[in-house]
N, C-alpha and C. Protein backbone atom coordinates (compact mmCIF):
# COMPACT_ATOMS: atom_id res chain seq x y z
N UNK A 1 84.83 60.85 11.87
CA UNK A 1 84.54 61.88 12.86
C UNK A 1 85.63 61.93 13.92
N UNK A 2 86.08 60.75 14.35
CA UNK A 2 87.13 60.71 15.38
C UNK A 2 88.41 61.38 14.91
N UNK A 3 88.78 61.14 13.65
CA UNK A 3 90.03 61.72 13.19
C UNK A 3 89.92 63.24 13.10
N UNK A 4 88.74 63.77 12.80
CA UNK A 4 88.55 65.21 12.76
C UNK A 4 88.73 65.80 14.17
N UNK A 5 88.16 65.14 15.18
CA UNK A 5 88.33 65.60 16.57
C UNK A 5 89.79 65.53 16.98
N UNK A 6 90.46 64.45 16.60
CA UNK A 6 91.88 64.29 16.93
C UNK A 6 92.67 65.42 16.30
N UNK A 7 92.41 65.69 15.02
CA UNK A 7 93.12 66.74 14.31
C UNK A 7 92.86 68.11 14.95
N UNK A 8 91.61 68.40 15.27
CA UNK A 8 91.28 69.69 15.87
C UNK A 8 91.98 69.86 17.21
N UNK A 9 92.07 68.81 17.99
CA UNK A 9 92.75 68.89 19.28
C UNK A 9 94.23 69.13 19.10
N UNK A 10 94.83 68.46 18.11
CA UNK A 10 96.26 68.64 17.84
C UNK A 10 96.53 70.07 17.37
N UNK A 11 95.65 70.61 16.55
CA UNK A 11 95.80 71.98 16.08
C UNK A 11 95.73 72.94 17.28
N UNK A 12 94.81 72.69 18.20
CA UNK A 12 94.68 73.54 19.39
C UNK A 12 95.93 73.46 20.26
N UNK A 13 96.46 72.27 20.43
CA UNK A 13 97.68 72.11 21.23
C UNK A 13 98.84 72.88 20.59
N UNK A 14 98.97 72.76 19.27
CA UNK A 14 100.02 73.47 18.55
C UNK A 14 99.83 74.98 18.66
N UNK A 15 98.59 75.44 18.53
CA UNK A 15 98.30 76.87 18.63
C UNK A 15 98.66 77.38 20.02
N UNK A 16 98.37 76.61 21.05
CA UNK A 16 98.73 77.00 22.42
C UNK A 16 100.23 77.13 22.61
N UNK A 17 100.97 76.18 22.04
CA UNK A 17 102.43 76.22 22.13
C UNK A 17 102.96 77.44 21.39
N UNK A 18 102.40 77.72 20.21
CA UNK A 18 102.84 78.88 19.44
C UNK A 18 102.57 80.19 20.18
N UNK A 19 101.39 80.30 20.79
CA UNK A 19 101.08 81.52 21.55
C UNK A 19 102.07 81.72 22.69
N UNK A 20 102.38 80.64 23.39
CA UNK A 20 103.36 80.73 24.49
C UNK A 20 104.73 81.13 23.96
N UNK A 21 105.09 80.60 22.81
CA UNK A 21 106.37 80.95 22.20
C UNK A 21 106.40 82.42 21.81
N UNK A 22 105.30 82.89 21.20
CA UNK A 22 105.24 84.29 20.79
C UNK A 22 105.43 85.23 21.97
N UNK A 23 104.73 84.96 23.06
CA UNK A 23 104.83 85.89 24.20
C UNK A 23 106.23 85.85 24.81
N UNK A 24 106.87 84.71 24.75
CA UNK A 24 108.25 84.65 25.25
C UNK A 24 109.20 85.41 24.35
N UNK A 25 108.88 85.50 23.07
CA UNK A 25 109.71 86.27 22.15
C UNK A 25 109.67 87.76 22.47
N UNK A 26 108.54 88.22 23.02
CA UNK A 26 108.44 89.63 23.43
C UNK A 26 109.53 89.93 24.45
N UNK A 27 109.73 89.00 25.36
CA UNK A 27 110.74 89.17 26.39
C UNK A 27 112.15 89.21 25.80
N UNK A 28 112.40 88.37 24.81
CA UNK A 28 113.74 88.28 24.23
C UNK A 28 114.02 89.36 23.19
N UNK A 29 112.98 89.74 22.44
CA UNK A 29 113.15 90.70 21.35
C UNK A 29 112.09 91.80 21.45
N UNK A 30 112.29 92.77 22.32
CA UNK A 30 111.29 93.82 22.52
C UNK A 30 110.98 94.62 21.25
N UNK A 31 111.88 94.61 20.28
CA UNK A 31 111.65 95.37 19.05
C UNK A 31 110.51 94.79 18.19
N UNK A 32 110.14 93.52 18.42
CA UNK A 32 109.02 92.94 17.67
C UNK A 32 107.75 92.83 18.50
N UNK A 33 107.73 93.50 19.64
CA UNK A 33 106.58 93.43 20.54
C UNK A 33 105.26 93.80 19.85
N UNK A 34 105.25 94.85 19.06
CA UNK A 34 103.99 95.28 18.41
C UNK A 34 103.50 94.23 17.41
N UNK A 35 104.42 93.57 16.71
CA UNK A 35 104.02 92.51 15.77
C UNK A 35 103.40 91.33 16.50
N UNK A 36 104.00 90.96 17.61
CA UNK A 36 103.49 89.82 18.37
C UNK A 36 102.16 90.17 19.04
N UNK A 37 102.04 91.39 19.55
CA UNK A 37 100.76 91.80 20.13
C UNK A 37 99.65 91.75 19.09
N UNK A 38 99.96 92.07 17.84
CA UNK A 38 98.96 91.99 16.77
C UNK A 38 98.52 90.55 16.55
N UNK A 39 99.45 89.61 16.63
CA UNK A 39 99.11 88.19 16.50
C UNK A 39 98.21 87.77 17.67
N UNK A 40 98.56 88.18 18.88
CA UNK A 40 97.79 87.79 20.06
C UNK A 40 96.37 88.36 20.03
N UNK A 41 96.21 89.54 19.45
CA UNK A 41 94.90 90.19 19.41
C UNK A 41 94.09 89.84 18.16
N UNK A 42 94.67 89.06 17.27
CA UNK A 42 93.99 88.73 16.02
C UNK A 42 92.72 87.94 16.30
N UNK A 43 91.69 88.18 15.50
CA UNK A 43 90.39 87.52 15.69
C UNK A 43 90.49 86.00 15.68
N UNK A 44 91.45 85.44 14.93
CA UNK A 44 91.59 83.98 14.91
C UNK A 44 91.92 83.44 16.30
N UNK A 45 92.59 84.24 17.12
CA UNK A 45 92.94 83.80 18.47
C UNK A 45 91.81 84.11 19.45
N UNK A 46 91.33 85.35 19.41
CA UNK A 46 90.32 85.79 20.38
C UNK A 46 88.99 85.08 20.17
N UNK A 47 88.65 84.77 18.92
CA UNK A 47 87.37 84.12 18.62
C UNK A 47 87.54 82.65 18.29
N UNK A 48 88.64 82.07 18.69
CA UNK A 48 88.90 80.65 18.44
C UNK A 48 87.84 79.81 19.12
N UNK A 49 87.46 78.69 18.49
CA UNK A 49 86.43 77.83 19.07
C UNK A 49 86.94 77.08 20.30
N UNK A 50 88.24 77.03 20.48
CA UNK A 50 88.83 76.37 21.64
C UNK A 50 89.00 77.40 22.76
N UNK A 51 88.33 77.19 23.87
CA UNK A 51 88.37 78.14 24.98
C UNK A 51 89.78 78.33 25.54
N UNK A 52 90.58 77.29 25.51
CA UNK A 52 91.97 77.37 26.01
C UNK A 52 92.77 78.38 25.18
N UNK A 53 92.61 78.32 23.87
CA UNK A 53 93.33 79.24 22.99
C UNK A 53 92.86 80.67 23.22
N UNK A 54 91.55 80.85 23.33
CA UNK A 54 90.99 82.18 23.61
C UNK A 54 91.59 82.75 24.89
N UNK A 55 91.57 81.94 25.92
CA UNK A 55 92.05 82.38 27.24
C UNK A 55 93.53 82.75 27.19
N UNK A 56 94.33 81.90 26.56
CA UNK A 56 95.76 82.19 26.46
C UNK A 56 96.01 83.48 25.69
N UNK A 57 95.31 83.64 24.57
CA UNK A 57 95.51 84.82 23.73
C UNK A 57 95.18 86.09 24.51
N UNK A 58 94.07 86.08 25.24
CA UNK A 58 93.66 87.25 26.01
C UNK A 58 94.65 87.52 27.16
N UNK A 59 95.01 86.47 27.89
CA UNK A 59 95.93 86.65 29.02
C UNK A 59 97.30 87.13 28.56
N UNK A 60 97.84 86.53 27.51
CA UNK A 60 99.14 86.94 27.02
C UNK A 60 99.10 88.36 26.47
N UNK A 61 98.01 88.70 25.81
CA UNK A 61 97.86 90.05 25.27
C UNK A 61 97.86 91.09 26.39
N UNK A 62 97.07 90.82 27.43
CA UNK A 62 97.01 91.75 28.57
C UNK A 62 98.35 91.80 29.30
N UNK A 63 98.99 90.67 29.45
CA UNK A 63 100.30 90.62 30.11
C UNK A 63 101.31 91.49 29.37
N UNK A 64 101.31 91.38 28.06
CA UNK A 64 102.28 92.16 27.28
C UNK A 64 101.97 93.66 27.33
N UNK A 65 100.69 94.01 27.48
CA UNK A 65 100.31 95.43 27.55
C UNK A 65 100.63 96.04 28.92
N UNK A 66 100.31 95.33 29.97
CA UNK A 66 100.33 95.88 31.33
C UNK A 66 101.69 95.76 32.01
N UNK A 67 102.35 94.63 31.81
CA UNK A 67 103.56 94.34 32.57
C UNK A 67 104.74 95.20 32.14
N UNK A 68 105.51 95.59 33.12
CA UNK A 68 106.77 96.30 32.84
C UNK A 68 107.76 95.28 32.27
N UNK A 69 108.78 95.73 31.58
CA UNK A 69 109.77 94.79 31.03
C UNK A 69 110.38 93.88 32.09
N UNK A 70 110.62 94.42 33.30
CA UNK A 70 111.19 93.59 34.37
C UNK A 70 110.22 92.51 34.83
N UNK A 71 108.96 92.90 35.00
CA UNK A 71 107.95 91.93 35.42
C UNK A 71 107.74 90.89 34.35
N UNK A 72 107.67 91.31 33.11
CA UNK A 72 107.50 90.38 31.99
C UNK A 72 108.66 89.39 31.95
N UNK A 73 109.87 89.87 32.16
CA UNK A 73 111.04 88.99 32.17
C UNK A 73 110.95 87.97 33.31
N UNK A 74 110.46 88.41 34.46
CA UNK A 74 110.33 87.50 35.60
C UNK A 74 109.26 86.44 35.35
N UNK A 75 108.12 86.88 34.84
CA UNK A 75 107.01 85.95 34.58
C UNK A 75 107.39 84.92 33.52
N UNK A 76 108.12 85.37 32.51
CA UNK A 76 108.44 84.49 31.38
C UNK A 76 109.81 83.84 31.49
N UNK A 77 110.41 83.91 32.67
CA UNK A 77 111.71 83.28 32.89
C UNK A 77 111.63 81.79 32.59
N UNK A 78 112.75 81.25 32.14
CA UNK A 78 112.78 79.82 31.85
C UNK A 78 112.61 79.03 33.14
N UNK A 79 111.78 78.02 33.07
CA UNK A 79 111.55 77.17 34.23
C UNK A 79 112.76 76.24 34.40
N UNK A 80 113.10 75.92 35.65
CA UNK A 80 114.21 74.98 35.85
C UNK A 80 113.82 73.61 35.27
N UNK A 81 114.81 72.89 34.82
CA UNK A 81 114.56 71.58 34.22
C UNK A 81 113.97 70.63 35.27
N UNK A 82 112.99 69.88 34.84
CA UNK A 82 112.34 68.92 35.72
C UNK A 82 113.28 67.74 35.94
N UNK A 83 113.50 67.44 37.19
CA UNK A 83 114.38 66.29 37.49
C UNK A 83 113.53 65.04 37.64
N UNK A 84 113.93 64.04 36.93
CA UNK A 84 113.22 62.76 37.00
C UNK A 84 113.55 62.10 38.34
N UNK A 85 112.54 61.60 38.99
CA UNK A 85 112.79 60.85 40.22
C UNK A 85 111.81 59.70 40.27
N UNK A 86 112.17 58.74 41.06
CA UNK A 86 111.37 57.54 41.15
C UNK A 86 110.12 57.79 41.99
N UNK A 87 109.06 57.17 41.60
CA UNK A 87 107.81 57.27 42.33
C UNK A 87 108.00 56.68 43.73
N UNK A 88 107.46 57.35 44.74
CA UNK A 88 107.60 56.84 46.10
C UNK A 88 106.87 55.50 46.26
N UNK A 89 105.79 55.32 45.54
CA UNK A 89 105.05 54.06 45.58
C UNK A 89 105.90 52.93 45.01
N UNK A 90 106.56 53.19 43.88
CA UNK A 90 107.44 52.16 43.31
C UNK A 90 108.62 51.85 44.23
N UNK A 91 109.15 52.85 44.87
CA UNK A 91 110.27 52.63 45.80
C UNK A 91 109.84 51.73 46.96
N UNK A 92 108.64 51.96 47.48
CA UNK A 92 108.14 51.10 48.58
C UNK A 92 107.92 49.68 48.10
N UNK A 93 107.40 49.52 46.89
CA UNK A 93 107.18 48.18 46.36
C UNK A 93 108.50 47.44 46.14
N UNK A 94 109.51 48.16 45.69
CA UNK A 94 110.82 47.53 45.49
C UNK A 94 111.45 47.10 46.80
N UNK A 95 111.18 47.89 47.88
CA UNK A 95 111.72 47.52 49.19
C UNK A 95 111.09 46.23 49.69
N UNK A 96 109.80 46.09 49.43
CA UNK A 96 109.09 44.88 49.90
C UNK A 96 109.53 43.64 49.14
N UNK A 97 109.87 43.80 47.87
CA UNK A 97 110.28 42.69 47.01
C UNK A 97 109.31 41.51 47.12
N UNK A 98 108.08 41.77 46.77
CA UNK A 98 107.04 40.74 46.79
C UNK A 98 107.31 39.75 45.66
N UNK A 99 107.37 38.45 45.97
CA UNK A 99 107.58 37.46 44.92
C UNK A 99 106.42 37.47 43.94
N UNK A 100 106.73 37.30 42.67
CA UNK A 100 105.68 37.35 41.66
C UNK A 100 104.72 36.18 41.77
N UNK A 101 105.13 35.10 42.27
CA UNK A 101 104.25 33.94 42.41
C UNK A 101 103.09 34.23 43.36
N UNK A 102 103.31 35.06 44.36
CA UNK A 102 102.24 35.38 45.32
C UNK A 102 101.23 36.36 44.76
N UNK A 103 101.58 37.04 43.67
CA UNK A 103 100.66 38.01 43.09
C UNK A 103 99.60 37.36 42.23
N UNK A 104 99.77 36.10 41.88
CA UNK A 104 98.80 35.40 41.02
C UNK A 104 97.68 34.84 41.79
């Protein structure tokens, strides 16, 4: 039973990523917009048992219908790369340099 739940969750995660990819393709390739809108409106997406997938499919579908090409481009712009930085809590702990013997 656990492996079935694990598999279903992985399928939902993959479906969510695919939906996001599809809607971004509308921005890059407007000539395939109608094909992608058909995928977003397909019953497998709208009636999916996972509420997250349903929500994404409906939101992306409406976004592609309503938004102007400029607005769609702005909304779907690539996010800046996340810069890794050290946790402020870890930085404070490193400053204190507590000896490990005192932690026992």
